[in-house]
Each structure stands twice: as C-alpha cells, then as structure tokens.
Amino acid sequence: MKPVNFTGKNVEKGYRSVVKTITWRILGTIDTIIISWFIVGDIRFAVSIGGIELFTKMFLYYFHERLWARSNFGRVKEKNIEYQI
C-alpha cells in the first residue's frame, strides 16, 4: 500500500499500522483472557480464547486501520495562509 498523506507534511507508512495493530492486540488480548477467565473460571480455556482472538482481530484491525487511513471522512484540509505586509 502507498503511504497516506494526512496533512501534507507527514506521511503515515504501512509499518506504523502494523506496530499499532500489534500493540493494540496485546492489550486487547490480555483483556479478553482476563474477562474469559473471570466468566468461565478456567485459565487454559481463557488463554485458548485469547489466542484465537489475537490473530483474527489483528488482521481485522490492520485492514480497518488502512481503510480509515485512506478515507477523508472527518478531515479538514489545511489552508495555506498568505500574509501580505
């Protein structure tokens, strides 16, 4: 995928989305394991749920992130202000 230009100054590359995906999924998976453990009472089962969820949601998040990076929804273009002195 091509880098996405948000402001005209910075370009967000695909690997940034990969790193964001991984760090977010680590947090989300820990949360899922804890909630699953609390509900089912079996840590092995909770880790199994978290392990499956880790990979499925990582792929979904990455593609979701890249689609949003291409969208202009909610963005405002910078206006070049010209000063006359």
PDB file of N, CA and C in Angstrom:
ATOM      1  N   MET A   1       0.837  -1.182   0.000  1.00  0.00           N
ATOM      2  CA  MET A   1       0.000   0.000   0.000  1.00  0.00           C
ATOM      3  C   MET A   1       0.879   1.242   0.000  1.00  0.00           C
ATOM      4  N   LYS A   2       0.382   2.278  -0.640  1.00  0.00           N
ATOM      5  CA  LYS A   2       1.122   3.535  -0.678  1.00  0.00           C
ATOM      6  C   LYS A   2       0.985   4.275   0.647  1.00  0.00           C
ATOM      7  N   PRO A   3       2.005   5.055   1.037  1.00  0.00           N
ATOM      8  CA  PRO A   3       1.883   5.865   2.250  1.00  0.00           C
ATOM      9  C   PRO A   3       0.717   6.840   2.120  1.00  0.00           C
ATOM     10  N   VAL A   4       0.090   7.128   3.224  1.00  0.00           N
ATOM     11  CA  VAL A   4      -1.079   8.011   3.232  1.00  0.00           C
ATOM     12  C   VAL A   4      -0.657   9.374   3.755  1.00  0.00           C
ATOM     13  N   ASN A   5      -1.013  10.417   3.024  1.00  0.00           N
ATOM     14  CA  ASN A   5      -0.655  11.772   3.402  1.00  0.00           C
ATOM     15  C   ASN A   5      -1.833  12.399   4.134  1.00  0.00           C
ATOM     16  N   PHE A   6      -1.667  12.656   5.446  1.00  0.00           N
ATOM     17  CA  PHE A   6      -2.758  13.220   6.242  1.00  0.00           C
ATOM     18  C   PHE A   6      -2.786  14.744   6.173  1.00  0.00           C
ATOM     19  N   THR A   7      -1.661  15.412   6.357  1.00  0.00           N
ATOM     20  CA  THR A   7      -1.664  16.863   6.477  1.00  0.00           C
ATOM     21  C   THR A   7      -0.884  17.553   5.374  1.00  0.00           C
ATOM     22  N   GLY A   8      -0.285  16.808   4.517  1.00  0.00           N
ATOM     23  CA  GLY A   8       0.573  17.413   3.516  1.00  0.00           C
ATOM     24  C   GLY A   8       2.001  17.493   4.003  1.00  0.00           C
ATOM     25  N   LYS A   9       2.227  17.265   5.277  1.00  0.00           N
ATOM     26  CA  LYS A   9       3.565  17.351   5.853  1.00  0.00           C
ATOM     27  C   LYS A   9       4.097  15.981   6.257  1.00  0.00           C
ATOM     28  N   ASN A  10       3.248  15.154   6.841  1.00  0.00           N
ATOM     29  CA  ASN A  10       3.665  13.846   7.328  1.00  0.00           C
ATOM     30  C   ASN A  10       3.000  12.756   6.513  1.00  0.00           C
ATOM     31  N   VAL A  11       3.715  11.669   6.321  1.00  0.00           N
ATOM     32  CA  VAL A  11       3.170  10.528   5.613  1.00  0.00           C
ATOM     33  C   VAL A  11       3.176   9.344   6.563  1.00  0.00           C
ATOM     34  N   GLU A  12       2.045   8.679   6.677  1.00  0.00           N
ATOM     35  CA  GLU A  12       1.947   7.502   7.531  1.00  0.00           C
ATOM     36  C   GLU A  12       2.180   6.263   6.687  1.00  0.00           C
ATOM     37  N   LYS A  13       3.182   5.505   7.052  1.00  0.00           N
ATOM     38  CA  LYS A  13       3.537   4.304   6.302  1.00  0.00           C
ATOM     39  C   LYS A  13       2.814   3.099   6.875  1.00  0.00           C
ATOM     40  N   GLY A  14       2.744   2.044   6.074  1.00  0.00           N
ATOM     41  CA  GLY A  14       2.040   0.833   6.470  1.00  0.00           C
ATOM     42  C   GLY A  14       2.600   0.185   7.718  1.00  0.00           C
ATOM     43  N   TYR A  15       3.928   0.249   7.918  1.00  0.00           N
ATOM     44  CA  TYR A  15       4.506  -0.406   9.092  1.00  0.00           C
ATOM     45  C   TYR A  15       4.055   0.257  10.388  1.00  0.00           C
ATOM     46  N   ARG A  16       3.673   1.526  10.339  1.00  0.00           N
ATOM     47  CA  ARG A  16       3.126   2.181  11.529  1.00  0.00           C
ATOM     48  C   ARG A  16       1.815   1.502  11.931  1.00  0.00           C
ATOM     49  N   SER A  17       0.991   1.192  10.948  1.00  0.00           N
ATOM     50  CA  SER A  17      -0.257   0.488  11.229  1.00  0.00           C
ATOM     51  C   SER A  17       0.005  -0.917  11.769  1.00  0.00           C
ATOM     52  N   VAL A  18       1.059  -1.568  11.281  1.00  0.00           N
ATOM     53  CA  VAL A  18       1.410  -2.900  11.781  1.00  0.00           C
ATOM     54  C   VAL A  18       1.784  -2.823  13.259  1.00  0.00           C
ATOM     55  N   VAL A  19       2.629  -1.857  13.636  1.00  0.00           N
ATOM     56  CA  VAL A  19       3.049  -1.711  15.034  1.00  0.00           C
ATOM     57  C   VAL A  19       1.852  -1.350  15.916  1.00  0.00           C
ATOM     58  N   LYS A  20       0.999  -0.439  15.444  1.00  0.00           N
ATOM     59  CA  LYS A  20      -0.198  -0.080  16.201  1.00  0.00           C
ATOM     60  C   LYS A  20      -1.109  -1.294  16.368  1.00  0.00           C
ATOM     61  N   THR A  21      -1.226  -2.097  15.330  1.00  0.00           N
ATOM     62  CA  THR A  21      -2.045  -3.296  15.379  1.00  0.00           C
ATOM     63  C   THR A  21      -1.541  -4.253  16.444  1.00  0.00           C
ATOM     64  N   ILE A  22      -0.242  -4.509  16.458  1.00  0.00           N
ATOM     65  CA  ILE A  22       0.338  -5.461  17.408  1.00  0.00           C
ATOM     66  C   ILE A  22       0.190  -4.975  18.844  1.00  0.00           C
ATOM     67  N   THR A  23       0.528  -3.710  19.100  1.00  0.00           N
ATOM     68  CA  THR A  23       0.441  -3.213  20.478  1.00  0.00           C
ATOM     69  C   THR A  23      -1.010  -3.177  20.969  1.00  0.00           C
ATOM     70  N   TRP A  24      -1.936  -2.796  20.102  1.00  0.00           N
ATOM     71  CA  TRP A  24      -3.342  -2.769  20.495  1.00  0.00           C
ATOM     72  C   TRP A  24      -3.858  -4.177  20.779  1.00  0.00           C
ATOM     73  N   ARG A  25      -3.457  -5.145  19.954  1.00  0.00           N
ATOM     74  CA  ARG A  25      -3.928  -6.511  20.145  1.00  0.00           C
ATOM     75  C   ARG A  25      -3.354  -7.131  21.407  1.00  0.00           C
ATOM     76  N   ILE A  26      -2.133  -6.794  21.776  1.00  0.00           N
ATOM     77  CA  ILE A  26      -1.583  -7.297  23.036  1.00  0.00           C
ATOM     78  C   ILE A  26      -2.465  -6.846  24.192  1.00  0.00           C
ATOM     79  N   LEU A  27      -2.797  -5.565  24.215  1.00  0.00           N
ATOM     80  CA  LEU A  27      -3.676  -5.045  25.272  1.00  0.00           C
ATOM     81  C   LEU A  27      -5.062  -5.692  25.224  1.00  0.00           C
ATOM     82  N   GLY A  28      -5.622  -5.779  24.035  1.00  0.00           N
ATOM     83  CA  GLY A  28      -6.955  -6.352  23.882  1.00  0.00           C
ATOM     84  C   GLY A  28      -7.008  -7.825  24.246  1.00  0.00           C
ATOM     85  N   THR A  29      -5.954  -8.564  23.912  1.00  0.00           N
ATOM     86  CA  THR A  29      -5.924  -9.989  24.212  1.00  0.00           C
ATOM     87  C   THR A  29      -5.785 -10.242  25.708  1.00  0.00           C
ATOM     88  N   ILE A  30      -4.971  -9.456  26.379  1.00  0.00           N
ATOM     89  CA  ILE A  30      -4.867  -9.571  27.833  1.00  0.00           C
ATOM     90  C   ILE A  30      -6.233  -9.323  28.469  1.00  0.00           C
ATOM     91  N   ASP A  31      -6.920  -8.319  27.980  1.00  0.00           N
ATOM     92  CA  ASP A  31      -8.268  -8.011  28.479  1.00  0.00           C
ATOM     93  C   ASP A  31      -9.217  -9.186  28.235  1.00  0.00           C
ATOM     94  N   THR A  32      -9.183  -9.749  27.031  1.00  0.00           N
ATOM     95  CA  THR A  32     -10.048 -10.883  26.693  1.00  0.00           C
ATOM     96  C   THR A  32      -9.759 -12.088  27.578  1.00  0.00           C
ATOM     97  N   ILE A  33      -8.480 -12.373  27.810  1.00  0.00           N
ATOM     98  CA  ILE A  33      -8.113 -13.513  28.656  1.00  0.00           C
ATOM     99  C   ILE A  33      -8.629 -13.318  30.079  1.00  0.00           C
ATOM    100  N   ILE A  34      -8.456 -12.124  30.618  1.00  0.00           N
ATOM    101  CA  ILE A  34      -8.916 -11.852  31.985  1.00  0.00           C
ATOM    102  C   ILE A  34     -10.433 -11.975  32.091  1.00  0.00           C
ATOM    103  N   ILE A  35     -11.149 -11.391  31.140  1.00  0.00           N
ATOM    104  CA  ILE A  35     -12.613 -11.480  31.156  1.00  0.00           C
ATOM    105  C   ILE A  35     -13.068 -12.927  30.984  1.00  0.00           C
ATOM    106  N   SER A  36     -12.452 -13.657  30.048  1.00  0.00           N
ATOM    107  CA  SER A  36     -12.809 -15.066  29.829  1.00  0.00           C
ATOM    108  C   SER A  36     -12.536 -15.899  31.068  1.00  0.00           C
ATOM    109  N   TRP A  37     -11.416 -15.661  31.714  1.00  0.00           N
ATOM    110  CA  TRP A  37     -11.055 -16.386  32.936  1.00  0.00           C
ATOM    111  C   TRP A  37     -12.086 -16.116  34.027  1.00  0.00           C
ATOM    112  N   PHE A  38     -12.478 -14.850  34.137  1.00  0.00           N
ATOM    113  CA  PHE A  38     -13.480 -14.470  35.134  1.00  0.00           C
ATOM    114  C   PHE A  38     -14.813 -15.175  34.863  1.00  0.00           C
ATOM    115  N   ILE A  39     -15.220 -15.258  33.597  1.00  0.00           N
ATOM    116  CA  ILE A  39     -16.524 -15.833  33.247  1.00  0.00           C
ATOM    117  C   ILE A  39     -16.516 -17.362  33.329  1.00  0.00           C
ATOM    118  N   VAL A  40     -15.488 -18.005  32.731  1.00  0.00           N
ATOM    119  CA  VAL A  40     -15.502 -19.471  32.669  1.00  0.00           C
ATOM    120  C   VAL A  40     -14.754 -20.126  33.824  1.00  0.00           C
ATOM    121  N   GLY A  41     -13.867 -19.409  34.491  1.00  0.00           N
ATOM    122  CA  GLY A  41     -13.156 -19.946  35.636  1.00  0.00           C
ATOM    123  C   GLY A  41     -12.037 -20.915  35.311  1.00  0.00           C
ATOM    124  N   ASP A  42     -11.661 -21.016  34.036  1.00  0.00           N
ATOM    125  CA  ASP A  42     -10.604 -21.939  33.624  1.00  0.00           C
ATOM    126  C   ASP A  42      -9.565 -21.161  32.820  1.00  0.00           C
ATOM    127  N   ILE A  43      -8.372 -21.006  33.385  1.00  0.00           N
ATOM    128  CA  ILE A  43      -7.332 -20.197  32.735  1.00  0.00           C
ATOM    129  C   ILE A  43      -6.914 -20.791  31.389  1.00  0.00           C
ATOM    130  N   ARG A  44      -6.886 -22.119  31.273  1.00  0.00           N
ATOM    131  CA  ARG A  44      -6.491 -22.745  29.993  1.00  0.00           C
ATOM    132  C   ARG A  44      -7.491 -22.403  28.895  1.00  0.00           C
ATOM    133  N   PHE A  45      -8.745 -22.462  29.228  1.00  0.00           N
ATOM    134  CA  PHE A  45      -9.791 -22.121  28.259  1.00  0.00           C
ATOM    135  C   PHE A  45      -9.729 -20.634  27.915  1.00  0.00           C
ATOM    136  N   ALA A  46      -9.483 -19.807  28.907  1.00  0.00           N
ATOM    137  CA  ALA A  46      -9.383 -18.359  28.683  1.00  0.00           C
ATOM    138  C   ALA A  46      -8.210 -18.020  27.767  1.00  0.00           C
ATOM    139  N   VAL A  47      -7.069 -18.688  27.965  1.00  0.00           N
ATOM    140  CA  VAL A  47      -5.903 -18.456  27.102  1.00  0.00           C
ATOM    141  C   VAL A  47      -6.192 -18.939  25.686  1.00  0.00           C
ATOM    142  N   SER A  48      -6.929 -20.035  25.549  1.00  0.00           N
ATOM    143  CA  SER A  48      -7.318 -20.518  24.211  1.00  0.00           C
ATOM    144  C   SER A  48      -8.179 -19.490  23.485  1.00  0.00           C
ATOM    145  N   ILE A  49      -9.141 -18.944  24.181  1.00  0.00           N
ATOM    146  CA  ILE A  49      -9.994 -17.902  23.592  1.00  0.00           C
ATOM    147  C   ILE A  49      -9.131 -16.704  23.191  1.00  0.00           C
ATOM    148  N   GLY A  50      -8.273 -16.266  24.090  1.00  0.00           N
ATOM    149  CA  GLY A  50      -7.403 -15.126  23.800  1.00  0.00           C
ATOM    150  C   GLY A  50      -6.465 -15.378  22.633  1.00  0.00           C
ATOM    151  N   GLY A  51      -5.952 -16.605  22.522  1.00  0.00           N
ATOM    152  CA  GLY A  51      -5.030 -16.934  21.430  1.00  0.00           C
ATOM    153  C   GLY A  51      -5.690 -16.874  20.070  1.00  0.00           C
ATOM    154  N   ILE A  52      -6.891 -17.386  19.986  1.00  0.00           N
ATOM    155  CA  ILE A  52      -7.635 -17.342  18.716  1.00  0.00           C
ATOM    156  C   ILE A  52      -7.989 -15.898  18.374  1.00  0.00           C
ATOM    157  N   GLU A  53      -8.481 -15.186  19.357  1.00  0.00           N
ATOM    158  CA  GLU A  53      -8.905 -13.802  19.178  1.00  0.00           C
ATOM    159  C   GLU A  53      -7.734 -12.902  18.796  1.00  0.00           C
ATOM    160  N   LEU A  54      -6.558 -13.205  19.286  1.00  0.00           N
ATOM    161  CA  LEU A  54      -5.364 -12.408  18.983  1.00  0.00           C
ATOM    162  C   LEU A  54      -5.152 -12.288  17.481  1.00  0.00           C
ATOM    163  N   PHE A  55      -5.188 -13.408  16.792  1.00  0.00           N
ATOM    164  CA  PHE A  55      -4.881 -13.393  15.362  1.00  0.00           C
ATOM    165  C   PHE A  55      -6.040 -12.885  14.514  1.00  0.00           C
ATOM    166  N   THR A  56      -7.257 -13.293  14.836  1.00  0.00           N
ATOM    167  CA  THR A  56      -8.378 -12.848  14.000  1.00  0.00           C
ATOM    168  C   THR A  56      -8.563 -11.331  14.094  1.00  0.00           C
ATOM    169  N   LYS A  57      -8.507 -10.803  15.289  1.00  0.00           N
ATOM    170  CA  LYS A  57      -8.730  -9.364  15.443  1.00  0.00           C
ATOM    171  C   LYS A  57      -7.537  -8.544  14.972  1.00  0.00           C
ATOM    172  N   MET A  58      -6.339  -9.114  14.980  1.00  0.00           N
ATOM    173  CA  MET A  58      -5.173  -8.390  14.481  1.00  0.00           C
ATOM    174  C   MET A  58      -5.322  -8.122  12.982  1.00  0.00           C
ATOM    175  N   PHE A  59      -5.732  -9.137  12.251  1.00  0.00           N
ATOM    176  CA  PHE A  59      -5.936  -8.949  10.807  1.00  0.00           C
ATOM    177  C   PHE A  59      -7.076  -7.972  10.540  1.00  0.00           C
ATOM    178  N   LEU A  60      -8.173  -8.129  11.257  1.00  0.00           N
ATOM    179  CA  LEU A  60      -9.304  -7.224  11.063  1.00  0.00           C
ATOM    180  C   LEU A  60      -8.925  -5.778  11.378  1.00  0.00           C
ATOM    181  N   TYR A  61      -8.204  -5.553  12.469  1.00  0.00           N
ATOM    182  CA  TYR A  61      -7.809  -4.193  12.858  1.00  0.00           C
ATOM    183  C   TYR A  61      -6.884  -3.571  11.815  1.00  0.00           C
ATOM    184  N   TYR A  62      -5.897  -4.325  11.324  1.00  0.00           N
ATOM    185  CA  TYR A  62      -4.951  -3.782  10.354  1.00  0.00           C
ATOM    186  C   TYR A  62      -5.682  -3.275   9.108  1.00  0.00           C
ATOM    187  N   PHE A  63      -6.549  -4.103   8.558  1.00  0.00           N
ATOM    188  CA  PHE A  63      -7.257  -3.681   7.348  1.00  0.00           C
ATOM    189  C   PHE A  63      -8.240  -2.551   7.636  1.00  0.00           C
ATOM    190  N   HIS A  64      -8.864  -2.559   8.786  1.00  0.00           N
ATOM    191  CA  HIS A  64      -9.739  -1.468   9.203  1.00  0.00           C
ATOM    192  C   HIS A  64      -8.943  -0.163   9.303  1.00  0.00           C
ATOM    193  N   GLU A  65      -7.770  -0.221   9.912  1.00  0.00           N
ATOM    194  CA  GLU A  65      -6.892   0.949  10.066  1.00  0.00           C
ATOM    195  C   GLU A  65      -6.463   1.506   8.709  1.00  0.00           C
ATOM    196  N   ARG A  66      -6.089   0.623   7.780  1.00  0.00           N
ATOM    197  CA  ARG A  66      -5.634   1.077   6.467  1.00  0.00           C
ATOM    198  C   ARG A  66      -6.788   1.680   5.663  1.00  0.00           C
ATOM    199  N   LEU A  67      -7.984   1.150   5.787  1.00  0.00           N
ATOM    200  CA  LEU A  67      -9.136   1.748   5.099  1.00  0.00           C
ATOM    201  C   LEU A  67      -9.427   3.141   5.642  1.00  0.00           C
ATOM    202  N   TRP A  68      -9.382   3.300   6.958  1.00  0.00           N
ATOM    203  CA  TRP A  68      -9.597   4.612   7.553  1.00  0.00           C
ATOM    204  C   TRP A  68      -8.489   5.580   7.167  1.00  0.00           C
ATOM    205  N   ALA A  69      -7.267   5.097   7.032  1.00  0.00           N
ATOM    206  CA  ALA A  69      -6.157   5.966   6.647  1.00  0.00           C
ATOM    207  C   ALA A  69      -6.370   6.531   5.239  1.00  0.00           C
ATOM    208  N   ARG A  70      -7.080   5.801   4.399  1.00  0.00           N
ATOM    209  CA  ARG A  70      -7.359   6.272   3.033  1.00  0.00           C
ATOM    210  C   ARG A  70      -8.584   7.184   2.958  1.00  0.00           C
ATOM    211  N   SER A  71      -9.393   7.181   3.987  1.00  0.00           N
ATOM    212  CA  SER A  71     -10.632   7.948   3.979  1.00  0.00           C
ATOM    213  C   SER A  71     -10.381   9.410   4.376  1.00  0.00           C
ATOM    214  N   ASN A  72     -11.119  10.309   3.782  1.00  0.00           N
ATOM    215  CA  ASN A  72     -11.049  11.719   4.150  1.00  0.00           C
ATOM    216  C   ASN A  72     -12.148  12.105   5.131  1.00  0.00           C
ATOM    217  N   PHE A  73     -12.958  11.147   5.558  1.00  0.00           N
ATOM    218  CA  PHE A  73     -14.053  11.405   6.476  1.00  0.00           C
ATOM    219  C   PHE A  73     -13.522  12.051   7.759  1.00  0.00           C
ATOM    220  N   GLY A  74     -14.079  13.203   8.117  1.00  0.00           N
ATOM    221  CA  GLY A  74     -13.712  13.878   9.354  1.00  0.00           C
ATOM    222  C   GLY A  74     -12.415  14.658   9.300  1.00  0.00           C
ATOM    223  N   ARG A  75     -11.819  14.779   8.135  1.00  0.00           N
ATOM    224  CA  ARG A  75     -10.575  15.538   7.994  1.00  0.00           C
ATOM    225  C   ARG A  75     -10.882  16.903   7.401  1.00  0.00           C
ATOM    226  N   VAL A  76     -10.065  17.852   7.789  1.00  0.00           N
ATOM    227  CA  VAL A  76     -10.172  19.196   7.249  1.00  0.00           C
ATOM    228  C   VAL A  76      -8.844  19.508   6.579  1.00  0.00           C
ATOM    229  N   LYS A  77      -8.915  20.006   5.364  1.00  0.00           N
ATOM    230  CA  LYS A  77      -7.686  20.351   4.660  1.00  0.00           C
ATOM    231  C   LYS A  77      -7.075  21.600   5.260  1.00  0.00           C
ATOM    232  N   GLU A  78      -5.746  21.593   5.343  1.00  0.00           N
ATOM    233  CA  GLU A  78      -5.043  22.788   5.828  1.00  0.00           C
ATOM    234  C   GLU A  78      -5.159  23.872   4.783  1.00  0.00           C
ATOM    235  N   LYS A  79      -5.356  25.087   5.269  1.00  0.00           N
ATOM    236  CA  LYS A  79      -5.418  26.226   4.369  1.00  0.00           C
ATOM    237  C   LYS A  79      -4.079  26.934   4.424  1.00  0.00           C
ATOM    238  N   ASN A  80      -3.552  27.231   3.275  1.00  0.00           N
ATOM    239  CA  ASN A  80      -2.323  27.984   3.214  1.00  0.00           C
ATOM    240  C   ASN A  80      -2.668  29.468   3.437  1.00  0.00           C
ATOM    241  N   ILE A  81      -2.147  30.007   4.493  1.00  0.00           N
ATOM    242  CA  ILE A  81      -2.415  31.408   4.822  1.00  0.00           C
ATOM    243  C   ILE A  81      -1.314  32.253   4.214  1.00  0.00           C
ATOM    244  N   GLU A  82      -1.736  33.179   3.387  1.00  0.00           N
ATOM    245  CA  GLU A  82      -0.774  34.083   2.791  1.00  0.00           C
ATOM    246  C   GLU A  82      -0.868  35.438   3.486  1.00  0.00           C
ATOM    247  N   TYR A  83       0.246  35.908   3.939  1.00  0.00           N
ATOM    248  CA  TYR A  83       0.282  37.188   4.627  1.00  0.00           C
ATOM    249  C   TYR A  83       0.807  38.263   3.676  1.00  0.00           C
ATOM    250  N   GLN A  84       0.168  39.388   3.720  1.00  0.00           N
ATOM    251  CA  GLN A  84       0.616  40.497   2.916  1.00  0.00           C
ATOM    252  C   GLN A  84       1.078  41.597   3.866  1.00  0.00           C
ATOM    253  N   ILE A  85       2.326  41.979   3.716  1.00  0.00           N
ATOM    254  CA  ILE A  85       2.859  43.014   4.602  1.00  0.00           C
ATOM    255  C   ILE A  85       3.220  44.224   3.770  1.00  0.00           C
TER     256      ILE A  85
END
